[in-house]
Protein backbone atom coordinates (compact mmCIF):
# COMPACT_ATOMS: atom_id res chain seq x y z
CA VAL A 1 29.81 -44.81 -32.09
CA ARG A 2 30.20 -48.17 -33.79
CA TRP A 3 30.90 -50.10 -30.96
CA MET A 4 27.83 -48.37 -29.22
CA MET A 5 25.66 -49.48 -32.09
CA TYR A 6 26.76 -52.97 -31.96
CA TRP A 7 26.29 -53.49 -28.08
CA ILE A 8 23.00 -52.12 -28.40
CA VAL A 9 22.09 -54.16 -31.26
CA PHE A 10 23.66 -57.17 -29.84
CA ALA A 11 21.80 -56.59 -26.28
CA LEU A 12 18.64 -56.58 -28.21
CA PHE A 13 19.54 -59.82 -29.99
CA MET A 14 20.34 -61.46 -26.66
CA ALA A 15 17.32 -60.68 -25.10
CA THR A 16 15.19 -61.69 -27.75
CA GLU A 17 17.27 -64.80 -28.25
CA THR A 18 16.44 -65.85 -24.68
CA PHE A 19 12.94 -66.45 -25.52
CA THR A 20 13.30 -67.64 -29.12
CA ASP A 21 16.06 -69.88 -28.25
CA LEU A 22 13.40 -72.32 -26.62
CA LEU A 23 11.02 -72.02 -29.39
CA ILE A 24 13.38 -72.42 -32.44
CA SER A 25 16.58 -74.41 -31.13
CA TRP A 26 15.34 -77.68 -32.59
CA PHE A 27 15.62 -76.01 -36.17
CA PRO A 28 18.46 -77.73 -38.10
CA PHE A 29 21.71 -75.57 -38.20
CA TYR A 30 20.06 -72.91 -35.86
CA TYR A 31 23.58 -72.29 -33.64
CA GLU A 32 25.33 -72.13 -36.85
CA ILE A 33 22.91 -69.50 -37.99
CA LYS A 34 22.92 -67.86 -34.99
CA THR A 35 26.81 -67.63 -34.95
CA ALA A 36 26.83 -66.04 -38.43
CA PHE A 37 24.59 -63.48 -37.66
CA VAL A 38 26.66 -62.50 -34.71
CA ILE A 39 29.62 -62.18 -36.85
CA TRP A 40 27.74 -60.43 -39.35
CA LEU A 41 26.90 -57.75 -36.86
CA LEU A 42 30.57 -57.67 -35.56
CA SER A 43 32.21 -57.53 -38.95
CA PRO A 44 33.79 -54.03 -40.05
CA TYR A 45 33.07 -54.88 -43.73
CA THR A 46 29.47 -55.60 -43.42
CA ARG A 47 28.59 -53.19 -40.72
CA GLY A 48 25.50 -55.08 -39.92
CA ALA A 49 25.10 -53.56 -36.62
CA SER A 50 25.13 -50.20 -37.68
CA LEU A 51 22.72 -51.06 -40.53
CA LEU A 52 20.22 -52.71 -38.07
CA TYR A 53 20.59 -49.77 -35.74
CA ARG A 54 20.16 -47.11 -38.08
CA LYS A 55 17.21 -48.84 -40.04
CA PHE A 56 15.11 -50.10 -36.98
CA VAL A 57 16.59 -49.13 -33.32
CA HIS A 58 16.94 -45.36 -33.96
CA PRO A 59 13.68 -44.73 -35.74
CA THR A 60 12.04 -46.58 -32.68
CA LEU A 61 13.79 -44.96 -30.02
CA SER A 62 13.30 -41.44 -31.70
CA ARG A 63 9.73 -42.20 -32.07
CA LYS A 64 9.42 -43.21 -28.56
CA GLU A 65 11.56 -40.55 -26.90
CA LYS A 66 8.68 -38.74 -24.71
CA GLU A 67 7.43 -42.22 -23.38
CA ILE A 68 10.86 -43.05 -22.71
CA ASP A 69 11.65 -39.95 -20.83
CA THR A 70 8.17 -40.09 -19.12
CA CYS A 71 8.66 -43.71 -17.81
CA ILE A 72 12.53 -42.89 -16.75
CA THR A 73 11.14 -39.54 -14.40
CA ARG A 74 8.23 -41.75 -12.95
CA THR A 75 10.86 -44.64 -11.93
CA ARG A 76 13.10 -42.19 -10.42
CA GLU A 77 10.05 -40.66 -8.50
CA ARG A 78 8.79 -44.14 -7.44
CA GLY A 79 12.70 -45.26 -6.61
CA CYS A 80 13.01 -42.53 -4.58
CA GLU A 81 9.89 -42.93 -2.54
CA MET A 82 10.21 -46.58 -1.89
CA LEU A 83 13.82 -45.85 -0.82
CA VAL A 84 12.49 -43.56 1.77
CA HIS A 85 9.66 -46.20 2.46
CA PHE A 86 12.00 -48.91 3.03
CA GLY A 87 14.76 -46.83 4.92
CA LYS A 88 11.97 -45.92 7.29
CA ARG A 89 11.05 -49.38 7.93
CA GLY A 90 14.01 -50.64 8.09
CA LEU A 91 15.11 -48.03 10.90
CA ASN A 92 11.96 -49.01 12.74
CA ILE A 93 12.88 -52.56 12.50
CA ALA A 94 16.27 -51.71 13.72
CA ALA A 95 15.00 -49.61 16.65
CA THR A 96 12.54 -52.23 17.72
CA ALA A 97 15.50 -54.83 17.63
CA ALA A 98 17.65 -52.57 19.71
CA VAL A 99 15.05 -52.00 22.34
CA GLN A 100 14.42 -55.59 22.65
CA ALA A 101 17.95 -56.57 22.94
CA ALA A 102 18.25 -53.50 25.59
CA ALA A 103 15.11 -55.23 27.51
CA LYS A 104 16.44 -58.61 27.42
CA SER A 105 20.09 -57.58 28.50
CA GLN A 106 18.49 -55.47 31.32
CA GLY A 107 16.73 -58.93 32.37
CA ALA A 108 19.80 -61.02 32.42
CA LEU A 109 22.07 -58.46 33.83
CA ALA A 110 19.18 -58.26 36.83
CA GLY A 111 19.06 -62.28 37.04
CA ARG A 112 22.70 -62.35 37.01
CA LEU A 113 22.78 -59.79 39.55
CA ARG A 114 20.14 -61.91 41.78
CA SER A 115 22.64 -64.79 41.69
CA PHE A 116 25.33 -63.14 43.68
CA SER A 117 24.86 -62.92 47.26
CA MET A 118 25.29 -59.85 49.18
CA GLN A 119 28.75 -60.85 50.28
CA ASP A 120 29.88 -60.89 46.73
CA LEU A 121 28.17 -57.49 46.11
CA ARG A 122 30.09 -55.94 49.16
CA SER A 123 33.16 -57.11 47.60
CA ILE A 124 32.83 -55.03 44.38
CA PRO A 125 34.80 -51.89 44.79
CA ASP A 126 32.55 -48.58 44.57
CA GLU A 127 33.52 -46.32 41.88
CA ALA A 128 30.91 -43.61 42.28
């Protein structure tokens, strides 16, 4: 449980840090403070990640649980619909490409057969 709390808090930190890094990286000792914060999160003595998780993350997730579940359900439904839609589209493209390739190869075969003389065609053994 301790590691789960750490990784959730660390992931949230990294997500926010991606944007804030651009704005406040010029601040003196920014990288040292950031390193100290990560060590504070990780340390078993300070239990920083556990403190932040229990004080901020868990209450927020509990309050928004219904919204999160609704969003996950809606996303799953849309994902299935999109999978079917793009699957059908991909199969149509593949079928069209196969028909075009077959049509081109038949034309190439007919052109190849036209280039043979009747003598060449008679020399091919009949397998029928």
